[in-house]
Amino acid sequence: MAKRYFSLDEAQALVPRVREMMGRALQLHGHLRAAIARLDATGTEVSWPVLRGEEALEDSDEFTEGLLRRARGLYFALRETISETEAIGVEVKGVVDGLVDFRSWRDGHEEVLLCWKLGEDEIEWFHGVDDGFAGRRPIAGHRFTAERERPDQALPTDPS
């Protein structure tokens, strides 16, 4: 999928929708962890291939198979929710933290990621493409555009 770039206003407008989607993903993740814990309590170790339905459980009974069907359903619902979120151009960085990034151009020239985390009211941070969450800096004093600008298009930034 091609990378999508957002202006700050476009990204801010999507925050309510992304908040709902990431909230749903977090709930599904919690239910999935509980379902896997129930399977673990029966002595059943669930691998990724088993969870994805690529492999079957060995020596399982009807109760365990029922637990596994629930876990698989939750897993696929979680994957679908993440896919729906990413389909609007948002990059999901962490379900548990509700962390997402929106690609943008800082001051029209530097590719950056507008960073938002579940629980925050709006986007207030950005970081470089290679910096990650630890490199978050405030958006204040910068413009964020959906398209890269030519140097002769740039507007001067407010130095304050």
N, C-alpha and C. Protein backbone atom coordinates (compact mmCIF):
# COMPACT_ATOMS: atom_id res chain seq x y z
N MET A 1 0.84 -1.18 0.00
CA MET A 1 0.00 0.00 0.00
C MET A 1 0.89 1.25 0.00
N ALA A 2 0.54 2.20 -0.80
CA ALA A 2 1.30 3.44 -0.87
C ALA A 2 1.16 4.22 0.43
N LYS A 3 2.22 4.90 0.79
CA LYS A 3 2.19 5.72 2.00
C LYS A 3 1.27 6.91 1.78
N ARG A 4 0.47 7.21 2.77
CA ARG A 4 -0.40 8.38 2.72
C ARG A 4 0.17 9.45 3.64
N TYR A 5 0.12 10.68 3.18
CA TYR A 5 0.61 11.80 3.97
C TYR A 5 -0.58 12.68 4.35
N PHE A 6 -0.50 13.27 5.53
CA PHE A 6 -1.58 14.07 6.09
C PHE A 6 -1.10 15.46 6.46
N SER A 7 -1.97 16.44 6.27
CA SER A 7 -1.73 17.73 6.90
C SER A 7 -2.12 17.55 8.37
N LEU A 8 -1.70 18.46 9.21
CA LEU A 8 -2.08 18.36 10.61
C LEU A 8 -3.60 18.39 10.77
N ASP A 9 -4.27 19.27 10.02
CA ASP A 9 -5.73 19.35 10.11
C ASP A 9 -6.40 18.04 9.69
N GLU A 10 -5.90 17.42 8.63
CA GLU A 10 -6.47 16.14 8.18
C GLU A 10 -6.28 15.06 9.25
N ALA A 11 -5.10 15.01 9.82
CA ALA A 11 -4.82 14.01 10.85
C ALA A 11 -5.69 14.26 12.09
N GLN A 12 -5.78 15.52 12.51
CA GLN A 12 -6.60 15.85 13.69
C GLN A 12 -8.05 15.44 13.45
N ALA A 13 -8.55 15.64 12.24
CA ALA A 13 -9.94 15.29 11.93
C ALA A 13 -10.19 13.79 12.04
N LEU A 14 -9.15 12.98 11.85
CA LEU A 14 -9.30 11.53 11.93
C LEU A 14 -9.15 10.99 13.35
N VAL A 15 -8.67 11.79 14.27
CA VAL A 15 -8.42 11.31 15.64
C VAL A 15 -9.66 10.66 16.27
N PRO A 16 -10.85 11.24 16.20
CA PRO A 16 -12.01 10.55 16.81
C PRO A 16 -12.26 9.16 16.22
N ARG A 17 -12.13 9.03 14.92
CA ARG A 17 -12.33 7.73 14.27
C ARG A 17 -11.23 6.75 14.69
N VAL A 18 -9.99 7.22 14.69
CA VAL A 18 -8.87 6.37 15.08
C VAL A 18 -8.98 5.99 16.56
N ARG A 19 -9.43 6.92 17.39
CA ARG A 19 -9.62 6.63 18.82
C ARG A 19 -10.59 5.47 19.00
N GLU A 20 -11.71 5.50 18.27
CA GLU A 20 -12.69 4.42 18.36
C GLU A 20 -12.10 3.10 17.89
N MET A 21 -11.38 3.13 16.78
CA MET A 21 -10.80 1.91 16.22
C MET A 21 -9.73 1.32 17.15
N MET A 22 -8.88 2.17 17.68
CA MET A 22 -7.82 1.69 18.57
C MET A 22 -8.40 1.23 19.91
N GLY A 23 -9.47 1.87 20.36
CA GLY A 23 -10.14 1.40 21.57
C GLY A 23 -10.69 0.00 21.38
N ARG A 24 -11.30 -0.22 20.21
CA ARG A 24 -11.83 -1.55 19.88
C ARG A 24 -10.69 -2.57 19.80
N ALA A 25 -9.58 -2.18 19.16
CA ALA A 25 -8.42 -3.07 19.05
C ALA A 25 -7.88 -3.43 20.43
N LEU A 26 -7.81 -2.47 21.32
CA LEU A 26 -7.31 -2.72 22.67
C LEU A 26 -8.23 -3.69 23.41
N GLN A 27 -9.55 -3.51 23.27
CA GLN A 27 -10.49 -4.43 23.91
C GLN A 27 -10.33 -5.84 23.35
N LEU A 28 -10.25 -5.96 22.04
CA LEU A 28 -10.06 -7.27 21.42
C LEU A 28 -8.77 -7.92 21.90
N HIS A 29 -7.72 -7.12 21.99
CA HIS A 29 -6.42 -7.63 22.45
C HIS A 29 -6.55 -8.19 23.87
N GLY A 30 -7.25 -7.46 24.74
CA GLY A 30 -7.44 -7.93 26.11
C GLY A 30 -8.22 -9.23 26.16
N HIS A 31 -9.29 -9.34 25.36
CA HIS A 31 -10.08 -10.57 25.31
C HIS A 31 -9.24 -11.73 24.74
N LEU A 32 -8.42 -11.42 23.75
CA LEU A 32 -7.55 -12.45 23.16
C LEU A 32 -6.55 -12.97 24.19
N ARG A 33 -5.94 -12.06 24.93
CA ARG A 33 -4.99 -12.48 25.97
C ARG A 33 -5.69 -13.38 27.00
N ALA A 34 -6.92 -13.01 27.37
CA ALA A 34 -7.67 -13.82 28.34
C ALA A 34 -7.99 -15.19 27.77
N ALA A 35 -8.36 -15.24 26.49
CA ALA A 35 -8.67 -16.52 25.86
C ALA A 35 -7.44 -17.41 25.79
N ILE A 36 -6.30 -16.82 25.49
CA ILE A 36 -5.05 -17.60 25.43
C ILE A 36 -4.67 -18.07 26.83
N ALA A 37 -4.90 -17.23 27.84
CA ALA A 37 -4.62 -17.63 29.23
C ALA A 37 -5.50 -18.81 29.64
N ARG A 38 -6.76 -18.81 29.19
CA ARG A 38 -7.65 -19.95 29.50
C ARG A 38 -7.13 -21.22 28.84
N LEU A 39 -6.67 -21.09 27.61
CA LEU A 39 -6.09 -22.26 26.94
C LEU A 39 -4.85 -22.73 27.67
N ASP A 40 -4.03 -21.79 28.09
CA ASP A 40 -2.81 -22.12 28.82
C ASP A 40 -3.15 -22.84 30.13
N ALA A 41 -4.22 -22.40 30.77
CA ALA A 41 -4.65 -23.03 32.03
C ALA A 41 -5.07 -24.49 31.84
N THR A 42 -5.47 -24.86 30.62
CA THR A 42 -5.83 -26.25 30.33
C THR A 42 -4.60 -27.08 29.96
N GLY A 43 -3.43 -26.40 29.95
CA GLY A 43 -2.21 -27.09 29.56
C GLY A 43 -1.96 -27.06 28.07
N THR A 44 -2.71 -26.22 27.36
CA THR A 44 -2.59 -26.12 25.91
C THR A 44 -1.75 -24.91 25.55
N GLU A 45 -0.63 -25.17 24.92
CA GLU A 45 0.22 -24.08 24.47
C GLU A 45 -0.17 -23.74 23.03
N VAL A 46 -0.48 -22.47 22.80
CA VAL A 46 -0.95 -22.05 21.49
C VAL A 46 0.17 -21.29 20.78
N SER A 47 0.59 -21.83 19.66
CA SER A 47 1.61 -21.17 18.84
C SER A 47 0.92 -20.24 17.85
N TRP A 48 1.71 -19.36 17.22
CA TRP A 48 1.14 -18.47 16.20
C TRP A 48 0.51 -19.25 15.05
N PRO A 49 1.17 -20.29 14.53
CA PRO A 49 0.51 -21.06 13.45
C PRO A 49 -0.81 -21.69 13.87
N VAL A 50 -0.91 -22.15 15.11
CA VAL A 50 -2.18 -22.71 15.60
C VAL A 50 -3.22 -21.61 15.70
N LEU A 51 -2.83 -20.46 16.26
CA LEU A 51 -3.77 -19.35 16.41
C LEU A 51 -4.28 -18.87 15.06
N ARG A 52 -3.39 -18.84 14.06
CA ARG A 52 -3.80 -18.40 12.72
C ARG A 52 -4.56 -19.47 11.95
N GLY A 53 -4.68 -20.66 12.51
CA GLY A 53 -5.41 -21.75 11.85
C GLY A 53 -4.58 -22.48 10.82
N GLU A 54 -3.27 -22.29 10.84
CA GLU A 54 -2.38 -22.96 9.89
C GLU A 54 -2.01 -24.37 10.36
N GLU A 55 -2.13 -24.59 11.67
CA GLU A 55 -1.85 -25.90 12.26
C GLU A 55 -2.98 -26.22 13.23
N ALA A 56 -3.20 -27.51 13.41
CA ALA A 56 -4.22 -27.96 14.37
C ALA A 56 -3.57 -28.29 15.71
N LEU A 57 -4.37 -28.25 16.75
CA LEU A 57 -3.89 -28.69 18.06
C LEU A 57 -3.83 -30.21 18.05
N GLU A 58 -2.83 -30.73 18.74
CA GLU A 58 -2.74 -32.18 18.87
C GLU A 58 -3.46 -32.60 20.15
N ASP A 59 -4.15 -33.73 20.10
CA ASP A 59 -4.79 -34.31 21.27
C ASP A 59 -5.66 -33.32 22.03
N SER A 60 -6.54 -32.62 21.32
CA SER A 60 -7.41 -31.66 22.00
C SER A 60 -8.82 -32.23 22.12
N ASP A 61 -9.52 -31.78 23.15
CA ASP A 61 -10.90 -32.21 23.36
C ASP A 61 -11.85 -31.11 22.87
N GLU A 62 -13.14 -31.37 22.99
CA GLU A 62 -14.15 -30.43 22.50
C GLU A 62 -14.09 -29.08 23.23
N PHE A 63 -13.86 -29.13 24.55
CA PHE A 63 -13.75 -27.89 25.34
C PHE A 63 -12.58 -27.03 24.86
N THR A 64 -11.43 -27.66 24.68
CA THR A 64 -10.23 -26.94 24.23
C THR A 64 -10.44 -26.40 22.82
N GLU A 65 -11.06 -27.18 21.96
CA GLU A 65 -11.33 -26.72 20.60
C GLU A 65 -12.26 -25.50 20.62
N GLY A 66 -13.23 -25.49 21.53
CA GLY A 66 -14.12 -24.34 21.67
C GLY A 66 -13.36 -23.09 22.10
N LEU A 67 -12.46 -23.26 23.07
CA LEU A 67 -11.62 -22.14 23.51
C LEU A 67 -10.74 -21.63 22.36
N LEU A 68 -10.22 -22.57 21.59
CA LEU A 68 -9.36 -22.19 20.47
C LEU A 68 -10.17 -21.45 19.40
N ARG A 69 -11.39 -21.91 19.12
CA ARG A 69 -12.23 -21.19 18.14
C ARG A 69 -12.47 -19.76 18.59
N ARG A 70 -12.73 -19.57 19.89
CA ARG A 70 -12.93 -18.21 20.42
C ARG A 70 -11.65 -17.38 20.25
N ALA A 71 -10.51 -17.95 20.61
CA ALA A 71 -9.24 -17.22 20.49
C ALA A 71 -8.97 -16.85 19.03
N ARG A 72 -9.22 -17.77 18.13
CA ARG A 72 -9.01 -17.48 16.70
C ARG A 72 -9.94 -16.37 16.22
N GLY A 73 -11.19 -16.43 16.64
CA GLY A 73 -12.13 -15.39 16.26
C GLY A 73 -11.67 -14.02 16.73
N LEU A 74 -11.21 -13.96 17.97
CA LEU A 74 -10.70 -12.69 18.52
C LEU A 74 -9.46 -12.22 17.78
N TYR A 75 -8.58 -13.16 17.48
CA TYR A 75 -7.35 -12.83 16.75
C TYR A 75 -7.68 -12.23 15.38
N PHE A 76 -8.58 -12.87 14.65
CA PHE A 76 -8.92 -12.36 13.32
C PHE A 76 -9.70 -11.05 13.39
N ALA A 77 -10.53 -10.88 14.41
CA ALA A 77 -11.22 -9.59 14.59
C ALA A 77 -10.22 -8.49 14.90
N LEU A 78 -9.22 -8.79 15.70
CA LEU A 78 -8.17 -7.81 16.00
C LEU A 78 -7.39 -7.45 14.74
N ARG A 79 -7.01 -8.45 13.98
CA ARG A 79 -6.29 -8.18 12.72
C ARG A 79 -7.13 -7.34 11.77
N GLU A 80 -8.42 -7.61 11.70
CA GLU A 80 -9.32 -6.85 10.82
C GLU A 80 -9.41 -5.39 11.29
N THR A 81 -9.50 -5.18 12.59
CA THR A 81 -9.57 -3.82 13.12
C THR A 81 -8.29 -3.05 12.80
N ILE A 82 -7.16 -3.69 12.96
CA ILE A 82 -5.88 -3.04 12.63
C ILE A 82 -5.82 -2.75 11.12
N SER A 83 -6.26 -3.69 10.31
CA SER A 83 -6.27 -3.49 8.85
C SER A 83 -7.17 -2.33 8.46
N GLU A 84 -8.35 -2.23 9.09
CA GLU A 84 -9.26 -1.11 8.80
C GLU A 84 -8.62 0.22 9.17
N THR A 85 -7.92 0.25 10.28
CA THR A 85 -7.25 1.46 10.73
C THR A 85 -6.15 1.84 9.75
N GLU A 86 -5.35 0.88 9.36
CA GLU A 86 -4.26 1.15 8.43
C GLU A 86 -4.76 1.48 7.03
N ALA A 87 -5.96 1.02 6.69
CA ALA A 87 -6.52 1.31 5.37
C ALA A 87 -6.80 2.80 5.16
N ILE A 88 -6.97 3.55 6.24
CA ILE A 88 -7.18 4.99 6.08
C ILE A 88 -5.85 5.75 6.03
N GLY A 89 -4.74 5.00 6.07
CA GLY A 89 -3.43 5.61 5.93
C GLY A 89 -2.66 5.78 7.22
N VAL A 90 -3.27 5.39 8.33
CA VAL A 90 -2.64 5.50 9.65
C VAL A 90 -1.72 4.30 9.84
N GLU A 91 -0.60 4.51 10.50
CA GLU A 91 0.33 3.42 10.79
C GLU A 91 0.18 3.03 12.26
N VAL A 92 -0.32 1.82 12.50
CA VAL A 92 -0.48 1.33 13.87
C VAL A 92 0.88 0.87 14.36
N LYS A 93 1.34 1.47 15.46
CA LYS A 93 2.65 1.14 16.01
C LYS A 93 2.56 0.27 17.25
N GLY A 94 1.44 0.31 17.95
CA GLY A 94 1.28 -0.52 19.14
C GLY A 94 -0.16 -0.56 19.59
N VAL A 95 -0.72 -1.76 19.65
CA VAL A 95 -2.13 -1.90 20.05
C VAL A 95 -2.28 -1.64 21.55
N VAL A 96 -1.42 -2.22 22.36
CA VAL A 96 -1.55 -2.09 23.81
C VAL A 96 -1.44 -0.63 24.25
N ASP A 97 -0.55 0.11 23.62
CA ASP A 97 -0.39 1.54 23.94
C ASP A 97 -1.34 2.42 23.14
N GLY A 98 -2.02 1.85 22.15
CA GLY A 98 -2.90 2.64 21.29
C GLY A 98 -2.10 3.67 20.52
N LEU A 99 -0.93 3.30 20.07
CA LEU A 99 0.01 4.23 19.43
C LEU A 99 -0.10 4.16 17.90
N VAL A 100 -0.32 5.32 17.29
CA VAL A 100 -0.40 5.40 15.84
C VAL A 100 0.38 6.61 15.33
N ASP A 101 0.78 6.53 14.08
CA ASP A 101 1.49 7.62 13.42
C ASP A 101 0.78 7.99 12.12
N PHE A 102 0.87 9.28 11.78
CA PHE A 102 0.35 9.81 10.53
C PHE A 102 1.55 10.43 9.81
N ARG A 103 1.86 9.99 8.62
CA ARG A 103 2.98 10.58 7.87
C ARG A 103 2.64 12.00 7.46
N SER A 104 3.64 12.85 7.48
CA SER A 104 3.43 14.25 7.12
C SER A 104 4.77 14.86 6.70
N TRP A 105 4.69 16.11 6.25
CA TRP A 105 5.89 16.88 5.89
C TRP A 105 5.98 18.08 6.83
N ARG A 106 6.99 18.08 7.69
CA ARG A 106 7.18 19.20 8.62
C ARG A 106 7.71 20.39 7.84
N ASP A 107 6.99 21.50 7.97
CA ASP A 107 7.32 22.74 7.27
C ASP A 107 7.44 22.50 5.76
N GLY A 108 6.74 21.47 5.28
CA GLY A 108 6.66 21.18 3.86
C GLY A 108 7.86 20.46 3.27
N HIS A 109 8.89 20.13 4.12
CA HIS A 109 10.12 19.57 3.55
C HIS A 109 10.64 18.32 4.22
N GLU A 110 10.51 18.21 5.52
CA GLU A 110 11.07 17.06 6.22
C GLU A 110 9.97 16.03 6.49
N GLU A 111 10.19 14.81 6.01
CA GLU A 111 9.22 13.74 6.26
C GLU A 111 9.27 13.39 7.75
N VAL A 112 8.10 13.42 8.38
CA VAL A 112 8.00 13.12 9.81
C VAL A 112 6.73 12.31 10.06
N LEU A 113 6.58 11.90 11.29
CA LEU A 113 5.38 11.18 11.70
C LEU A 113 4.69 11.96 12.80
N LEU A 114 3.45 12.35 12.54
CA LEU A 114 2.62 12.95 13.58
C LEU A 114 2.22 11.79 14.49
N CYS A 115 2.46 11.94 15.77
CA CYS A 115 2.34 10.83 16.71
C CYS A 115 1.16 11.06 17.65
N TRP A 116 0.28 10.06 17.75
CA TRP A 116 -0.87 10.14 18.64
C TRP A 116 -0.99 8.84 19.40
N LYS A 117 -1.41 8.96 20.66
CA LYS A 117 -1.54 7.80 21.53
C LYS A 117 -2.93 7.82 22.17
N LEU A 118 -3.54 6.65 22.26
CA LEU A 118 -4.85 6.52 22.89
C LEU A 118 -4.81 7.16 24.27
N GLY A 119 -5.79 8.01 24.53
CA GLY A 119 -5.83 8.75 25.79
C GLY A 119 -5.49 10.22 25.61
N GLU A 120 -4.82 10.55 24.49
CA GLU A 120 -4.51 11.95 24.20
C GLU A 120 -5.70 12.56 23.46
N ASP A 121 -6.01 13.82 23.76
CA ASP A 121 -7.16 14.48 23.14
C ASP A 121 -6.95 14.77 21.67
N GLU A 122 -5.74 15.15 21.33
CA GLU A 122 -5.43 15.50 19.94
C GLU A 122 -3.95 15.26 19.68
N ILE A 123 -3.55 15.44 18.44
CA ILE A 123 -2.15 15.28 18.07
C ILE A 123 -1.37 16.50 18.54
N GLU A 124 -0.38 16.27 19.37
CA GLU A 124 0.45 17.36 19.87
C GLU A 124 1.93 17.10 19.66
N TRP A 125 2.26 15.97 19.06
CA TRP A 125 3.66 15.55 18.95
C TRP A 125 3.99 15.04 17.54
N PHE A 126 5.25 15.10 17.21
CA PHE A 126 5.76 14.48 15.99
C PHE A 126 7.14 13.93 16.30
N HIS A 127 7.62 13.08 15.42
CA HIS A 127 9.00 12.60 15.53
C HIS A 127 9.50 12.26 14.13
N GLY A 128 10.82 12.20 14.00
CA GLY A 128 11.43 11.82 12.74
C GLY A 128 11.07 10.40 12.37
N VAL A 129 11.20 10.08 11.12
CA VAL A 129 10.84 8.76 10.62
C VAL A 129 11.62 7.65 11.34
N ASP A 130 12.87 7.92 11.68
CA ASP A 130 13.70 6.91 12.34
C ASP A 130 13.83 7.10 13.85
N ASP A 131 13.15 8.11 14.41
CA ASP A 131 13.33 8.43 15.83
C ASP A 131 12.46 7.62 16.77
N GLY A 132 11.27 7.29 16.37
CA GLY A 132 10.36 6.55 17.24
C GLY A 132 9.78 7.40 18.36
N PHE A 133 8.99 6.75 19.19
CA PHE A 133 8.25 7.42 20.25
C PHE A 133 9.16 8.24 21.17
N ALA A 134 10.33 7.72 21.47
CA ALA A 134 11.26 8.41 22.38
C ALA A 134 11.72 9.75 21.82
N GLY A 135 11.62 9.93 20.51
CA GLY A 135 12.06 11.18 19.89
C GLY A 135 10.94 12.18 19.67
N ARG A 136 9.82 12.00 20.35
CA ARG A 136 8.68 12.91 20.16
C ARG A 136 9.04 14.34 20.54
N ARG A 137 8.59 15.26 19.67
CA ARG A 137 8.78 16.69 19.91
C ARG A 137 7.44 17.39 19.70
N PRO A 138 7.22 18.54 20.35
CA PRO A 138 5.94 19.26 20.20
C PRO A 138 5.75 19.78 18.78
N ILE A 139 4.50 19.79 18.34
CA ILE A 139 4.19 20.28 17.00
C ILE A 139 4.20 21.80 16.91
N ALA A 140 4.12 22.48 18.05
CA ALA A 140 4.03 23.94 18.08
C ALA A 140 5.18 24.58 17.29
N GLY A 141 4.82 25.60 16.50
CA GLY A 141 5.82 26.34 15.73
C GLY A 141 6.14 25.74 14.38
N HIS A 142 5.44 24.70 14.00
CA HIS A 142 5.70 24.04 12.71
C HIS A 142 4.40 23.92 11.93
N ARG A 143 4.56 23.83 10.61
CA ARG A 143 3.45 23.51 9.71
C ARG A 143 3.62 22.05 9.31
N PHE A 144 2.51 21.37 9.11
CA PHE A 144 2.56 19.98 8.68
C PHE A 144 1.65 19.84 7.47
N THR A 145 2.24 19.42 6.35
CA THR A 145 1.53 19.38 5.08
C THR A 145 1.42 17.94 4.57
N ALA A 146 0.44 17.73 3.71
CA ALA A 146 0.22 16.42 3.11
C ALA A 146 1.09 16.22 1.87
N GLU A 147 1.60 17.31 1.35
CA GLU A 147 2.45 17.22 0.16
C GLU A 147 3.77 17.91 0.42
N ARG A 148 4.81 17.33 -0.12
CA ARG A 148 6.13 17.94 -0.01
C ARG A 148 6.14 19.19 -0.89
N GLU A 149 6.70 20.25 -0.37
CA GLU A 149 6.75 21.51 -1.11
C GLU A 149 8.13 21.68 -1.76
N ARG A 150 8.13 22.39 -2.86
CA ARG A 150 9.40 22.78 -3.47
C ARG A 150 10.00 23.87 -2.59
N PRO A 151 11.31 24.00 -2.56
CA PRO A 151 11.93 25.03 -1.72
C PRO A 151 11.39 26.44 -1.97
N ASP A 152 11.04 26.75 -3.22
CA ASP A 152 10.54 28.10 -3.51
C ASP A 152 9.08 28.28 -3.08
N GLN A 153 8.40 27.21 -2.64
CA GLN A 153 7.02 27.30 -2.16
C GLN A 153 6.96 27.56 -0.66
N ALA A 154 8.05 27.35 0.03
CA ALA A 154 8.03 27.37 1.49
C ALA A 154 7.66 28.73 2.04
N LEU A 155 6.85 28.68 3.05
CA LEU A 155 6.51 29.87 3.80
C LEU A 155 7.45 29.94 5.00
N PRO A 156 7.90 31.12 5.37
CA PRO A 156 8.78 31.18 6.54
C PRO A 156 8.02 30.74 7.79
N THR A 157 8.75 30.02 8.67
CA THR A 157 8.12 29.59 9.92
C THR A 157 8.24 30.70 10.95
N ASP A 158 7.31 30.72 11.85
CA ASP A 158 7.30 31.71 12.93
C ASP A 158 8.41 31.35 13.91
N PRO A 159 9.40 32.20 14.12
CA PRO A 159 10.53 31.86 14.98
C PRO A 159 10.17 31.79 16.45
N SER A 160 8.98 32.24 16.85
CA SER A 160 8.66 32.24 18.27
C SER A 160 8.14 30.92 18.76
